[in-house]
Protein backbone atom coordinates (compact mmCIF):
# COMPACT_ATOMS: atom_id res chain seq x y z
CA MET A 1 -9.98 -19.59 13.75
CA SER A 2 -6.38 -20.33 12.76
CA ASP A 3 -3.70 -20.67 15.37
CA LEU A 4 -1.04 -17.94 15.41
CA ASN A 5 1.55 -20.67 14.85
CA ASP A 6 -0.14 -21.34 11.48
CA LEU A 7 -0.05 -17.64 10.71
CA TYR A 8 3.66 -17.27 11.47
CA SER A 9 4.97 -20.51 9.98
CA ASP A 10 8.70 -21.14 9.65
CA ARG A 11 8.39 -20.89 5.88
CA LEU A 12 6.67 -17.49 6.11
CA LEU A 13 9.35 -16.31 8.54
CA SER A 14 11.99 -17.45 6.07
CA PHE A 15 10.42 -15.42 3.27
CA ALA A 16 10.17 -12.35 5.51
CA SER A 17 13.89 -12.49 6.23
CA ASN A 18 14.84 -12.76 2.53
CA ILE A 19 13.09 -9.99 0.59
CA THR A 20 14.05 -10.23 -3.07
CA ASN A 21 14.50 -7.06 -5.16
CA SER A 22 14.75 -4.94 -2.04
CA ARG A 23 16.17 -1.92 -3.82
CA THR A 24 15.11 1.20 -5.63
CA LEU A 25 15.28 1.45 -9.41
CA ASP A 26 16.84 4.40 -11.17
CA ASP A 27 15.10 3.57 -14.43
CA TYR A 28 11.40 2.90 -13.91
CA ASP A 29 8.12 3.65 -15.64
CA ALA A 30 5.97 4.04 -12.54
CA LYS A 31 6.27 4.06 -8.79
CA ALA A 32 3.79 3.97 -5.94
CA THR A 33 3.56 3.61 -2.18
CA ALA A 34 0.99 1.86 -0.01
CA HIS A 35 0.59 2.49 3.70
CA SER A 36 -1.28 0.73 6.48
CA LYS A 37 -2.69 3.26 8.93
CA LEU A 38 -3.37 0.52 11.46
CA CYS A 39 0.19 -0.77 11.87
CA GLY A 40 2.27 1.89 10.13
CA SER A 41 3.69 -0.49 7.52
CA VAL A 42 4.82 1.07 4.24
CA VAL A 43 5.77 -0.53 0.92
CA SER A 44 7.09 1.50 -2.01
CA VAL A 45 7.66 -0.01 -5.45
CA GLU A 46 9.10 0.95 -8.81
CA ILE A 47 8.28 -1.02 -11.94
CA LYS A 48 9.64 -1.10 -15.46
CA VAL A 49 7.21 -2.40 -18.07
CA GLN A 50 7.81 -3.41 -21.70
CA ASN A 51 5.16 -4.91 -23.96
CA ARG A 52 2.68 -5.07 -21.04
CA CYS A 53 5.11 -7.22 -19.04
CA ILE A 54 6.92 -6.28 -15.82
CA VAL A 55 10.60 -6.48 -16.73
CA ASN A 56 12.16 -4.88 -13.64
CA PHE A 57 11.02 -4.32 -10.09
CA GLY A 58 12.34 -2.63 -6.99
CA GLN A 59 10.79 -2.31 -3.57
CA THR A 60 11.42 -0.67 -0.24
CA VAL A 61 9.64 -2.50 2.56
CA LYS A 62 9.15 -1.14 6.05
CA ALA A 63 6.46 -3.50 7.18
CA CYS A 64 5.42 -6.11 9.68
CA LEU A 65 6.31 -9.73 9.13
CA LEU A 66 3.24 -10.42 6.97
CA GLY A 67 3.97 -7.43 4.74
CA GLN A 68 7.61 -8.49 4.49
CA ALA A 69 6.76 -12.08 3.61
CA THR A 70 4.27 -11.06 0.94
CA ALA A 71 6.78 -8.59 -0.53
CA ALA A 72 9.40 -11.34 -0.61
CA ILE A 73 7.12 -13.71 -2.51
CA ILE A 74 6.18 -10.96 -4.98
CA GLY A 75 9.82 -9.92 -5.38
CA ARG A 76 10.78 -13.49 -6.29
CA ASN A 77 8.11 -13.88 -8.96
CA ILE A 78 7.09 -10.54 -10.46
CA ILE A 79 9.84 -9.98 -13.03
CA GLY A 80 8.67 -11.45 -16.32
CA THR A 81 5.01 -11.35 -15.30
CA PRO A 82 2.51 -9.91 -17.76
CA CYS A 83 0.61 -7.02 -16.16
CA GLU A 84 -2.75 -8.74 -16.61
CA GLU A 85 -1.46 -11.93 -14.97
CA PHE A 86 -0.36 -9.88 -11.97
CA ARG A 87 -3.79 -8.26 -11.75
CA ASN A 88 -5.34 -11.74 -11.77
CA VAL A 89 -3.03 -12.86 -8.96
CA VAL A 90 -4.10 -9.82 -6.94
CA ARG A 91 -7.76 -10.71 -7.46
CA GLN A 92 -7.09 -14.31 -6.41
CA VAL A 93 -5.28 -13.28 -3.22
CA ARG A 94 -7.99 -10.81 -2.26
CA SER A 95 -10.61 -13.49 -2.86
CA MET A 96 -8.57 -16.00 -0.86
CA LEU A 97 -8.45 -13.65 2.14
CA LYS A 98 -11.89 -12.08 1.95
CA ASN A 99 -14.14 -14.69 0.28
CA ASN A 100 -12.56 -18.07 1.11
CA GLY A 101 -11.31 -18.34 -2.46
CA ALA A 102 -8.57 -20.66 -3.60
CA PRO A 103 -4.97 -19.41 -3.51
CA PRO A 104 -3.09 -18.77 -6.74
CA GLY A 105 -1.25 -21.71 -8.26
CA GLY A 106 1.81 -22.19 -10.40
CA ARG A 107 4.76 -19.96 -9.67
CA TRP A 108 2.50 -17.96 -7.32
CA SER A 109 1.64 -20.98 -5.16
CA ASP A 110 3.76 -19.70 -2.23
CA LEU A 111 1.02 -17.12 -1.68
CA ALA A 112 -1.03 -19.98 -0.21
CA LEU A 113 1.12 -19.46 2.91
CA LEU A 114 -1.06 -16.40 3.51
CA GLU A 115 -4.28 -18.40 3.84
CA PRO A 116 -4.02 -18.47 7.67
CA VAL A 117 -4.35 -14.64 7.59
CA ARG A 118 -7.97 -15.00 6.41
CA PRO A 119 -9.68 -14.85 9.83
CA TYR A 120 -7.49 -11.94 10.98
CA LYS A 121 -9.16 -9.10 9.06
CA ALA A 122 -7.03 -6.46 10.77
CA ARG A 123 -3.97 -8.04 9.14
CA HIS A 124 -5.32 -8.08 5.60
CA THR A 125 -4.18 -4.51 4.89
CA SER A 126 -0.55 -5.10 5.79
CA THR A 127 -0.57 -8.43 3.94
CA LEU A 128 -1.85 -6.74 0.77
CA LEU A 129 0.41 -3.66 0.81
CA VAL A 130 2.78 -4.76 -1.95
CA PHE A 131 -0.20 -5.69 -4.13
CA ASP A 132 -1.76 -2.27 -3.50
CA ALA A 133 1.47 -0.50 -4.39
CA VAL A 134 2.00 -2.44 -7.62
CA GLU A 135 -1.65 -1.93 -8.61
CA LYS A 136 -1.25 1.83 -8.08
CA ALA A 137 1.90 1.83 -10.22
CA LEU A 138 0.15 -0.12 -12.99
CA TYR A 139 -2.80 2.27 -12.81
CA GLU A 140 -0.37 5.19 -13.19
CA LEU A 141 0.96 3.60 -16.37
CA ASP A 142 -2.52 3.13 -17.79
CA HIS A 143 -3.72 6.69 -17.10
């Protein structure tokens, strides 16, 4: 099992203290909220999509350190991301945490910092909140 020091690395702490796009959007196409019943963390997002690409993003994060760090990484990278690419990143992160899959690469490679969360199943929900919220918003757009 990973050491808690691996879980709460300095780099992860740095991300958590610098959440990008921590704002609400006035002009959005969809919004959604995800909530962790276990820890009480909440992440709300608004997205603006053009030509199946996320062109603007806002988020309100009231979460634990893991939820904050994940939201920060997503906030730094999501604008300009095609919707299908984001869905693939979500699948990769879920697989990384739940099935020992490889972390995403490229501009999403910072998500590898979440690998030490893998053995702590109770922390998966809060770690995945921003992904859940964006997926809900994308689903709203598609239906």
